[in-house]
Amino acid sequence: MKAVLAVAGLDSSGGAGLAADAATIAALGCHPKVAATAITAQSLSGIDAISLVAPELVEQQIEAAFQDLAPSAVKVGMLGTDGIADGVAHALDAVGARNIVVDPVLRSTSGTALFDAGRQMLPQALAEILRRASLATPNVPEAEALLGHAIETPAAMEKAAGELAALFGCPVLLKGGHLGLARDVLAGAAGGGWIGVEAAFGPSPHGTGCALSSAIAAGLAQGFDLASAIQRAKEFLAAGIAGSCILPEGAYLPPAESIWSLRQQRDGRWQ
């Protein structure tokens, strides 16, 4: 059995963060381990409160995760502060972590800041984690914040993905959902270019970014190459979006094990 460690915040709604990470990792056949960076009180309407976990405790959680069934991949999501990011970078080095997928979460969907970056567009501690990463998965608003310019077209996405790969020092999957695209662009890696799936129409459910990055990490843990892990993860997520639970306040992805069934029922070929 392969294990995947998710380092992220706890979303009390269960739709994103560690809950989505653990469910996705388990549904894709790996054992989920977790290290909480924050505890939140939130719903589809937004975040009501955030309490950050002490950096020392975050480090201890990561170190404990590697004491048995050492994770074959790591997904890093919400970090909160430079101090926590620095602790995560130090701990990942200490345990020899590999196959690190970083979702550089800066703000929640509702607009709440989830990383205190101060005046830095790319905080130094986050940059240190990215340099160790196998992949970073920013969305368009995050890319705009990090690069300091607008990204409004597919051509601009391609250029921005290359800029981010150079800035981060790791491959980048720039996600196209905020431009209404079912395609993402991979830069800085073999097999780079556009990676897409058939569009799934409807509102964007809560936690899609968390599920995608965790699914990619699970694929890397199981030995898929990067492009294949991304394609598999996007197919998994598209099936979930198509079967999402729509509420007046927004939408949730269905249970992760149901996403697997939805995909298999659709064409019977997904492995």
C-alpha atoms as a PDB file:
ATOM      1  CA  MET A   1       0.000   0.000   0.000  1.00  0.00           C
ATOM      2  CA  LYS A   2       1.205   3.490  -0.877  1.00  0.00           C
ATOM      3  CA  ALA A   3       0.636   6.403   1.477  1.00  0.00           C
ATOM      4  CA  VAL A   4       0.185  10.087   0.611  1.00  0.00           C
ATOM      5  CA  LEU A   5       0.611  12.897   3.139  1.00  0.00           C
ATOM      6  CA  ALA A   6      -1.642  15.961   2.868  1.00  0.00           C
ATOM      7  CA  VAL A   7      -0.378  19.136   4.560  1.00  0.00           C
ATOM      8  CA  ALA A   8      -3.231  21.650   4.637  1.00  0.00           C
ATOM      9  CA  GLY A   9      -5.936  23.349   6.668  1.00  0.00           C
ATOM     10  CA  LEU A  10      -8.986  21.625   8.143  1.00  0.00           C
ATOM     11  CA  ASP A  11     -12.208  22.810   6.480  1.00  0.00           C
ATOM     12  CA  SER A  12     -15.042  22.259   8.944  1.00  0.00           C
ATOM     13  CA  SER A  13     -17.561  21.949   6.083  1.00  0.00           C
ATOM     14  CA  GLY A  14     -15.750  18.843   4.854  1.00  0.00           C
ATOM     15  CA  GLY A  15     -15.732  20.117   1.277  1.00  0.00           C
ATOM     16  CA  ALA A  16     -12.122  21.232   0.928  1.00  0.00           C
ATOM     17  CA  GLY A  17      -8.803  21.097   2.752  1.00  0.00           C
ATOM     18  CA  LEU A  18      -7.773  17.962   4.599  1.00  0.00           C
ATOM     19  CA  ALA A  19     -11.202  16.337   4.377  1.00  0.00           C
ATOM     20  CA  ALA A  20     -11.214  16.536   0.578  1.00  0.00           C
ATOM     21  CA  ASP A  21      -7.555  15.539   0.424  1.00  0.00           C
ATOM     22  CA  ALA A  22      -7.993  12.419   2.565  1.00  0.00           C
ATOM     23  CA  ALA A  23     -11.160  11.319   0.759  1.00  0.00           C
ATOM     24  CA  THR A  24      -9.546  11.729  -2.661  1.00  0.00           C
ATOM     25  CA  ILE A  25      -6.339   9.932  -1.690  1.00  0.00           C
ATOM     26  CA  ALA A  26      -8.299   7.005  -0.239  1.00  0.00           C
ATOM     27  CA  ALA A  27     -10.637   6.777  -3.242  1.00  0.00           C
ATOM     28  CA  LEU A  28      -7.634   6.507  -5.546  1.00  0.00           C
ATOM     29  CA  GLY A  29      -6.221   3.559  -3.635  1.00  0.00           C
ATOM     30  CA  CYS A  30      -3.667   5.131  -1.288  1.00  0.00           C
ATOM     31  CA  HIS A  31      -3.571   5.502   2.486  1.00  0.00           C
ATOM     32  CA  PRO A  32      -4.073   9.149   3.508  1.00  0.00           C
ATOM     33  CA  LYS A  33      -1.948  10.758   6.215  1.00  0.00           C
ATOM     34  CA  VAL A  34      -2.505  14.360   7.287  1.00  0.00           C
ATOM     35  CA  ALA A  35      -0.711  17.296   8.895  1.00  0.00           C
ATOM     36  CA  ALA A  36      -3.006  20.176   9.853  1.00  0.00           C
ATOM     37  CA  THR A  37      -1.719  23.727   9.389  1.00  0.00           C
ATOM     38  CA  ALA A  38      -4.940  25.438  10.481  1.00  0.00           C
ATOM     39  CA  ILE A  39      -8.438  24.785  11.786  1.00  0.00           C
ATOM     40  CA  THR A  40     -11.261  26.771  10.197  1.00  0.00           C
ATOM     41  CA  ALA A  41     -14.940  27.365  10.810  1.00  0.00           C
ATOM     42  CA  GLN A  42     -16.531  27.636   7.379  1.00  0.00           C
ATOM     43  CA  SER A  43     -19.386  26.787   5.058  1.00  0.00           C
ATOM     44  CA  LEU A  44     -20.104  27.308   1.377  1.00  0.00           C
ATOM     45  CA  SER A  45     -20.879  30.934   2.249  1.00  0.00           C
ATOM     46  CA  GLY A  46     -17.350  31.668   3.472  1.00  0.00           C
ATOM     47  CA  ILE A  47     -14.861  31.379   6.313  1.00  0.00           C
ATOM     48  CA  ASP A  48     -16.010  32.547   9.744  1.00  0.00           C
ATOM     49  CA  ALA A  49     -12.813  31.893  11.715  1.00  0.00           C
ATOM     50  CA  ILE A  50      -9.266  30.543  11.313  1.00  0.00           C
ATOM     51  CA  SER A  51      -6.906  29.290  14.012  1.00  0.00           C
ATOM     52  CA  LEU A  52      -3.376  28.529  12.841  1.00  0.00           C
ATOM     53  CA  VAL A  53      -1.427  25.562  14.190  1.00  0.00           C
ATOM     54  CA  ALA A  54       1.970  26.276  15.747  1.00  0.00           C
ATOM     55  CA  PRO A  55       4.796  25.669  13.240  1.00  0.00           C
ATOM     56  CA  GLU A  56       6.522  23.281  15.651  1.00  0.00           C
ATOM     57  CA  LEU A  57       3.425  21.084  15.821  1.00  0.00           C
ATOM     58  CA  VAL A  58       3.071  21.094  12.031  1.00  0.00           C
ATOM     59  CA  GLU A  59       6.683  19.884  11.782  1.00  0.00           C
ATOM     60  CA  GLN A  60       6.023  17.155  14.359  1.00  0.00           C
ATOM     61  CA  GLN A  61       2.977  15.940  12.431  1.00  0.00           C
ATOM     62  CA  ILE A  62       5.033  15.629   9.232  1.00  0.00           C
ATOM     63  CA  GLU A  63       7.853  13.820  11.010  1.00  0.00           C
ATOM     64  CA  ALA A  64       5.387  11.420  12.659  1.00  0.00           C
ATOM     65  CA  ALA A  65       3.802  10.626   9.290  1.00  0.00           C
ATOM     66  CA  PHE A  66       7.141   9.227   8.105  1.00  0.00           C
ATOM     67  CA  GLN A  67       7.723   6.980  11.120  1.00  0.00           C
ATOM     68  CA  ASP A  68       5.772   4.140   9.499  1.00  0.00           C
ATOM     69  CA  LEU A  69       4.371   3.537   6.009  1.00  0.00           C
ATOM     70  CA  ALA A  70       6.399   6.510   4.804  1.00  0.00           C
ATOM     71  CA  PRO A  71       4.411   8.585   2.289  1.00  0.00           C
ATOM     72  CA  SER A  72       5.394   8.093  -1.352  1.00  0.00           C
ATOM     73  CA  ALA A  73       4.035  11.568  -2.189  1.00  0.00           C
ATOM     74  CA  VAL A  74       3.061  14.767  -0.402  1.00  0.00           C
ATOM     75  CA  LYS A  75       0.373  17.323  -1.208  1.00  0.00           C
ATOM     76  CA  VAL A  76       0.909  20.792   0.300  1.00  0.00           C
ATOM     77  CA  GLY A  77      -2.044  23.165   0.448  1.00  0.00           C
ATOM     78  CA  MET A  78      -2.878  26.008   2.844  1.00  0.00           C
ATOM     79  CA  LEU A  79       0.141  27.121   4.867  1.00  0.00           C
ATOM     80  CA  GLY A  80      -1.088  30.323   6.503  1.00  0.00           C
ATOM     81  CA  THR A  81       2.170  32.082   7.339  1.00  0.00           C
ATOM     82  CA  ASP A  82       5.841  32.225   6.423  1.00  0.00           C
ATOM     83  CA  GLY A  83       6.619  30.594   9.770  1.00  0.00           C
ATOM     84  CA  ILE A  84       4.472  27.549   9.014  1.00  0.00           C
ATOM     85  CA  ALA A  85       5.807  27.356   5.455  1.00  0.00           C
ATOM     86  CA  ASP A  86       9.371  27.457   6.780  1.00  0.00           C
ATOM     87  CA  GLY A  87       8.571  24.660   9.241  1.00  0.00           C
ATOM     88  CA  VAL A  88       7.024  22.552   6.475  1.00  0.00           C
ATOM     89  CA  ALA A  89      10.060  23.051   4.216  1.00  0.00           C
ATOM     90  CA  HIS A  90      12.413  22.065   7.051  1.00  0.00           C
ATOM     91  CA  ALA A  91      10.388  18.977   7.958  1.00  0.00           C
ATOM     92  CA  LEU A  92      10.036  17.786   4.354  1.00  0.00           C
ATOM     93  CA  ASP A  93      13.810  18.039   3.975  1.00  0.00           C
ATOM     94  CA  ALA A  94      14.405  16.193   7.237  1.00  0.00           C
ATOM     95  CA  VAL A  95      12.242  13.213   6.215  1.00  0.00           C
ATOM     96  CA  GLY A  96      13.446  13.101   2.601  1.00  0.00           C
ATOM     97  CA  ALA A  97       9.988  13.694   1.131  1.00  0.00           C
ATOM     98  CA  ARG A  98       9.541  13.187  -2.618  1.00  0.00           C
ATOM     99  CA  ASN A  99       6.794  13.654  -5.210  1.00  0.00           C
ATOM    100  CA  ILE A 100       5.705  16.933  -3.604  1.00  0.00           C
ATOM    101  CA  VAL A 101       2.664  18.612  -5.186  1.00  0.00           C
ATOM    102  CA  VAL A 102       2.125  22.207  -4.037  1.00  0.00           C
ATOM    103  CA  ASP A 103      -1.215  23.977  -4.372  1.00  0.00           C
ATOM    104  CA  PRO A 104      -0.115  27.569  -3.550  1.00  0.00           C
ATOM    105  CA  VAL A 105      -3.313  28.582  -1.782  1.00  0.00           C
ATOM    106  CA  LEU A 106      -3.365  32.352  -1.216  1.00  0.00           C
ATOM    107  CA  ARG A 107      -7.103  33.012  -0.816  1.00  0.00           C
ATOM    108  CA  SER A 108     -10.264  31.020  -0.327  1.00  0.00           C
ATOM    109  CA  THR A 109     -12.925  30.966  -3.044  1.00  0.00           C
ATOM    110  CA  SER A 110     -14.897  33.481  -0.968  1.00  0.00           C
ATOM    111  CA  GLY A 111     -11.901  35.838  -0.851  1.00  0.00           C
ATOM    112  CA  THR A 112     -10.477  35.243   2.633  1.00  0.00           C
ATOM    113  CA  ALA A 113      -6.671  35.537   2.747  1.00  0.00           C
ATOM    114  CA  LEU A 114      -5.109  32.148   3.569  1.00  0.00           C
ATOM    115  CA  PHE A 115      -1.451  33.178   3.426  1.00  0.00           C
ATOM    116  CA  ASP A 116       0.013  36.224   5.152  1.00  0.00           C
ATOM    117  CA  ALA A 117       2.468  37.169   2.425  1.00  0.00           C
ATOM    118  CA  GLY A 118       3.171  40.674   3.691  1.00  0.00           C
ATOM    119  CA  ARG A 119       4.643  42.736   0.849  1.00  0.00           C
ATOM    120  CA  GLN A 120       6.144  39.720  -0.934  1.00  0.00           C
ATOM    121  CA  MET A 121       4.447  38.392  -4.068  1.00  0.00           C
ATOM    122  CA  LEU A 122       6.262  35.073  -3.522  1.00  0.00           C
ATOM    123  CA  PRO A 123       7.152  34.599   0.156  1.00  0.00           C
ATOM    124  CA  GLN A 124      10.631  33.153   0.646  1.00  0.00           C
ATOM    125  CA  ALA A 125       9.480  30.145   2.679  1.00  0.00           C
ATOM    126  CA  LEU A 126       6.875  29.217   0.051  1.00  0.00           C
ATOM    127  CA  ALA A 127       9.563  29.611  -2.613  1.00  0.00           C
ATOM    128  CA  GLU A 128      11.730  27.124  -0.711  1.00  0.00           C
ATOM    129  CA  ILE A 129       8.955  24.508  -0.780  1.00  0.00           C
ATOM    130  CA  LEU A 130       8.286  25.131  -4.471  1.00  0.00           C
ATOM    131  CA  ARG A 131      11.940  24.544  -5.337  1.00  0.00           C
ATOM    132  CA  ARG A 132      11.562  21.055  -3.825  1.00  0.00           C
ATOM    133  CA  ALA A 133       8.294  20.347  -5.648  1.00  0.00           C
ATOM    134  CA  SER A 134       7.509  17.952  -8.472  1.00  0.00           C
ATOM    135  CA  LEU A 135       4.580  20.201  -9.446  1.00  0.00           C
ATOM    136  CA  ALA A 136       2.796  23.418  -8.458  1.00  0.00           C
ATOM    137  CA  THR A 137      -0.915  23.834  -9.271  1.00  0.00           C
ATOM    138  CA  PRO A 138      -1.886  27.536  -9.115  1.00  0.00           C
ATOM    139  CA  ASN A 139      -5.167  28.821 -10.494  1.00  0.00           C
ATOM    140  CA  VAL A 140      -5.392  31.982 -12.583  1.00  0.00           C
ATOM    141  CA  PRO A 141      -6.073  34.442  -9.693  1.00  0.00           C
ATOM    142  CA  GLU A 142      -3.125  32.983  -7.757  1.00  0.00           C
ATOM    143  CA  ALA A 143      -0.912  33.241 -10.828  1.00  0.00           C
ATOM    144  CA  GLU A 144      -1.991  36.861 -11.344  1.00  0.00           C
ATOM    145  CA  ALA A 145      -1.143  37.670  -7.719  1.00  0.00           C
ATOM    146  CA  LEU A 146       2.250  35.987  -7.959  1.00  0.00           C
ATOM    147  CA  LEU A 147       3.193  37.510 -11.327  1.00  0.00           C
ATOM    148  CA  GLY A 148       1.603  40.923 -10.836  1.00  0.00           C
ATOM    149  CA  HIS A 149      -0.306  41.045 -14.137  1.00  0.00           C
ATOM    150  CA  ALA A 150      -3.637  39.955 -15.603  1.00  0.00           C
ATOM    151  CA  ILE A 151      -4.138  36.629 -17.378  1.00  0.00           C
ATOM    152  CA  GLU A 152      -7.205  36.829 -19.605  1.00  0.00           C
ATOM    153  CA  THR A 153      -6.691  34.449 -22.546  1.00  0.00           C
ATOM    154  CA  PRO A 154      -5.374  30.920 -23.212  1.00  0.00           C
ATOM    155  CA  ALA A 155      -2.310  32.428 -24.885  1.00  0.00           C
ATOM    156  CA  ALA A 156      -1.656  34.512 -21.759  1.00  0.00           C
ATOM    157  CA  MET A 157      -2.056  31.344 -19.670  1.00  0.00           C
ATOM    158  CA  GLU A 158       0.635  29.558 -21.674  1.00  0.00           C
ATOM    159  CA  LYS A 159       3.034  32.459 -21.222  1.00  0.00           C
ATOM    160  CA  ALA A 160       2.228  32.765 -17.513  1.00  0.00           C
ATOM    161  CA  ALA A 161       2.764  29.042 -16.906  1.00  0.00           C
ATOM    162  CA  GLY A 162       6.270  29.353 -18.332  1.00  0.00           C
ATOM    163  CA  GLU A 163       6.954  32.431 -16.208  1.00  0.00           C
ATOM    164  CA  LEU A 164       5.778  30.621 -13.084  1.00  0.00           C
ATOM    165  CA  ALA A 165       7.878  27.544 -13.845  1.00  0.00           C
ATOM    166  CA  ALA A 166      10.938  29.802 -14.075  1.00  0.00           C
ATOM    167  CA  LEU A 167       9.964  31.688 -10.908  1.00  0.00           C
ATOM    168  CA  PHE A 168       9.181  28.564  -8.878  1.00  0.00           C
ATOM    169  CA  GLY A 169      11.988  26.361 -10.182  1.00  0.00           C
ATOM    170  CA  CYS A 170       9.552  23.461 -10.661  1.00  0.00           C
ATOM    171  CA  PRO A 171       6.954  22.297 -13.203  1.00  0.00           C
ATOM    172  CA  VAL A 172       3.678  24.245 -13.108  1.00  0.00           C
ATOM    173  CA  LEU A 173       0.129  23.214 -13.970  1.00  0.00           C
ATOM    174  CA  LEU A 174      -1.776  26.481 -14.458  1.00  0.00           C
ATOM    175  CA  LYS A 175      -5.481  25.697 -14.059  1.00  0.00           C
ATOM    176  CA  GLY A 176      -7.946  27.186 -16.539  1.00  0.00           C
ATOM    177  CA  GLY A 177     -11.200  26.954 -14.598  1.00  0.00           C
ATOM    178  CA  HIS A 178     -11.371  30.671 -13.818  1.00  0.00           C
ATOM    179  CA  LEU A 179     -11.309  31.359 -17.567  1.00  0.00           C
ATOM    180  CA  GLY A 180     -14.092  28.847 -18.159  1.00  0.00           C
ATOM    181  CA  LEU A 181     -11.703  26.225 -19.550  1.00  0.00           C
ATOM    182  CA  ALA A 182     -11.709  22.476 -18.905  1.00  0.00           C
ATOM    183  CA  ARG A 183      -8.038  22.511 -19.920  1.00  0.00           C
ATOM    184  CA  ASP A 184      -4.954  23.309 -17.868  1.00  0.00           C
ATOM    185  CA  VAL A 185      -1.487  24.080 -19.190  1.00  0.00           C
ATOM    186  CA  LEU A 186       1.636  22.261 -17.987  1.00  0.00           C
ATOM    187  CA  ALA A 187       4.994  24.045 -18.255  1.00  0.00           C
ATOM    188  CA  GLY A 188       8.504  23.068 -17.250  1.00  0.00           C
ATOM    189  CA  ALA A 189       8.092  19.306 -17.618  1.00  0.00           C
ATOM    190  CA  ALA A 190       8.223  16.538 -20.179  1.00  0.00           C
ATOM    191  CA  GLY A 191       4.841  16.113 -21.830  1.00  0.00           C
ATOM    192  CA  GLY A 192       4.089  19.787 -21.257  1.00  0.00           C
ATOM    193  CA  GLY A 193       1.316  21.668 -23.011  1.00  0.00           C
ATOM    194  CA  TRP A 194      -2.440  21.618 -22.675  1.00  0.00           C
ATOM    195  CA  ILE A 195      -4.049  18.807 -20.702  1.00  0.00           C
ATOM    196  CA  GLY A 196      -7.824  18.642 -20.909  1.00  0.00           C
ATOM    197  CA  VAL A 197     -10.988  16.679 -20.395  1.00  0.00           C
ATOM    198  CA  GLU A 198     -14.532  16.974 -21.683  1.00  0.00           C
ATOM    199  CA  ALA A 199     -16.122  20.010 -20.043  1.00  0.00           C
ATOM    200  CA  ALA A 200     -18.452  19.335 -17.109  1.00  0.00           C
ATOM    201  CA  PHE A 201     -21.066  22.085 -16.961  1.00  0.00           C
ATOM    202  CA  GLY A 202     -22.496  23.641 -13.808  1.00  0.00           C
ATOM    203  CA  PRO A 203     -21.236  25.619 -10.815  1.00  0.00           C
ATOM    204  CA  SER A 204     -17.688  24.983  -9.641  1.00  0.00           C
ATOM    205  CA  PRO A 205     -17.937  22.859  -6.485  1.00  0.00           C
ATOM    206  CA  HIS A 206     -16.120  23.663  -3.270  1.00  0.00           C
ATOM    207  CA  GLY A 207     -12.729  21.953  -2.978  1.00  0.00           C
ATOM    208  CA  THR A 208     -11.917  21.211  -6.618  1.00  0.00           C
ATOM    209  CA  GLY A 209      -8.354  22.525  -6.315  1.00  0.00           C
ATOM    210  CA  CYS A 210      -7.716  20.400  -3.227  1.00  0.00           C
ATOM    211  CA  ALA A 211      -9.098  17.281  -4.887  1.00  0.00           C
ATOM    212  CA  LEU A 212      -7.072  17.818  -8.074  1.00  0.00           C
ATOM    213  CA  SER A 213      -3.720  18.295  -6.345  1.00  0.00           C
ATOM    214  CA  SER A 214      -4.331  15.343  -4.017  1.00  0.00           C
ATOM    215  CA  ALA A 215      -5.341  13.132  -6.948  1.00  0.00           C
ATOM    216  CA  ILE A 216      -2.130  14.080  -8.776  1.00  0.00           C
ATOM    217  CA  ALA A 217      -0.092  13.243  -5.667  1.00  0.00           C
ATOM    218  CA  ALA A 218      -1.824   9.861  -5.431  1.00  0.00           C
ATOM    219  CA  GLY A 219      -0.950   9.158  -9.061  1.00  0.00           C
ATOM    220  CA  LEU A 220       2.706  10.046  -8.497  1.00  0.00           C
ATOM    221  CA  ALA A 221       2.777   7.805  -5.402  1.00  0.00           C
ATOM    222  CA  GLN A 222       1.520   4.929  -7.540  1.00  0.00           C
ATOM    223  CA  GLY A 223       4.240   5.383 -10.142  1.00  0.00           C
ATOM    224  CA  PHE A 224       2.450   7.328 -12.889  1.00  0.00           C
ATOM    225  CA  ASP A 225       4.577   9.856 -14.759  1.00  0.00           C
ATOM    226  CA  LEU A 226       3.621  13.490 -14.203  1.00  0.00           C
ATOM    227  CA  ALA A 227       1.539  14.030 -17.361  1.00  0.00           C
ATOM    228  CA  SER A 228      -0.339  10.747 -16.823  1.00  0.00           C
ATOM    229  CA  ALA A 229      -0.971  11.533 -13.149  1.00  0.00           C
ATOM    230  CA  ILE A 230      -2.413  14.924 -14.147  1.00  0.00           C
ATOM    231  CA  GLN A 231      -4.646  13.447 -16.866  1.00  0.00           C
ATOM    232  CA  ARG A 232      -5.957  10.764 -14.505  1.00  0.00           C
ATOM    233  CA  ALA A 233      -6.611  13.359 -11.798  1.00  0.00           C
ATOM    234  CA  LYS A 234      -8.478  15.624 -14.216  1.00  0.00           C
ATOM    235  CA  GLU A 235     -10.692  12.734 -15.339  1.00  0.00           C
ATOM    236  CA  PHE A 236     -11.408  11.913 -11.693  1.00  0.00           C
ATOM    237  CA  LEU A 237     -12.316  15.536 -10.953  1.00  0.00           C
ATOM    238  CA  ALA A 238     -14.452  15.953 -14.099  1.00  0.00           C
ATOM    239  CA  ALA A 239     -16.555  12.960 -13.067  1.00  0.00           C
ATOM    240  CA  GLY A 240     -17.005  14.543  -9.653  1.00  0.00           C
ATOM    241  CA  ILE A 241     -18.036  17.925 -11.056  1.00  0.00           C
ATOM    242  CA  ALA A 242     -20.598  16.230 -13.305  1.00  0.00           C
ATOM    243  CA  GLY A 243     -22.157  14.545 -10.267  1.00  0.00           C
ATOM    244  CA  SER A 244     -21.826  17.417  -7.782  1.00  0.00           C
ATOM    245  CA  CYS A 245     -24.432  18.237  -5.151  1.00  0.00           C
ATOM    246  CA  ILE A 246     -25.831  21.683  -5.988  1.00  0.00           C
ATOM    247  CA  LEU A 247     -27.236  23.847  -3.185  1.00  0.00           C
ATOM    248  CA  PRO A 248     -28.466  27.468  -3.161  1.00  0.00           C
ATOM    249  CA  GLU A 249     -25.158  28.544  -1.586  1.00  0.00           C
ATOM    250  CA  GLY A 250     -22.941  26.658  -4.039  1.00  0.00           C
ATOM    251  CA  ALA A 251     -21.955  23.056  -4.661  1.00  0.00           C
ATOM    252  CA  TYR A 252     -20.098  20.148  -3.086  1.00  0.00           C
ATOM    253  CA  LEU A 253     -18.281  17.355  -4.871  1.00  0.00           C
ATOM    254  CA  PRO A 254     -19.959  13.965  -4.318  1.00  0.00           C
ATOM    255  CA  PRO A 255     -18.262  11.436  -2.008  1.00  0.00           C
ATOM    256  CA  ALA A 256     -14.896  10.551  -3.501  1.00  0.00           C
ATOM    257  CA  GLU A 257     -15.689   6.858  -3.804  1.00  0.00           C
ATOM    258  CA  SER A 258     -18.775   7.812  -5.831  1.00  0.00           C
ATOM    259  CA  ILE A 259     -16.589   9.757  -8.269  1.00  0.00           C
ATOM    260  CA  TRP A 260     -14.718   6.539  -9.050  1.00  0.00           C
ATOM    261  CA  SER A 261     -18.023   4.779  -9.745  1.00  0.00           C
ATOM    262  CA  LEU A 262     -19.287   7.643 -11.912  1.00  0.00           C
ATOM    263  CA  ARG A 263     -16.195   7.489 -14.075  1.00  0.00           C
ATOM    264  CA  GLN A 264     -16.339   3.712 -14.444  1.00  0.00           C
ATOM    265  CA  GLN A 265     -20.022   3.815 -15.350  1.00  0.00           C
ATOM    266  CA  ARG A 266     -19.324   6.469 -17.943  1.00  0.00           C
ATOM    267  CA  ASP A 267     -16.919   4.520 -20.148  1.00  0.00           C
ATOM    268  CA  GLY A 268     -15.665   1.471 -18.286  1.00  0.00           C
ATOM    269  CA  ARG A 269     -12.050   2.130 -19.206  1.00  0.00           C
ATOM    270  CA  TRP A 270     -10.595   4.218 -16.383  1.00  0.00           C
ATOM    271  CA  GLN A 271      -7.920   2.423 -14.389  1.00  0.00           C
END
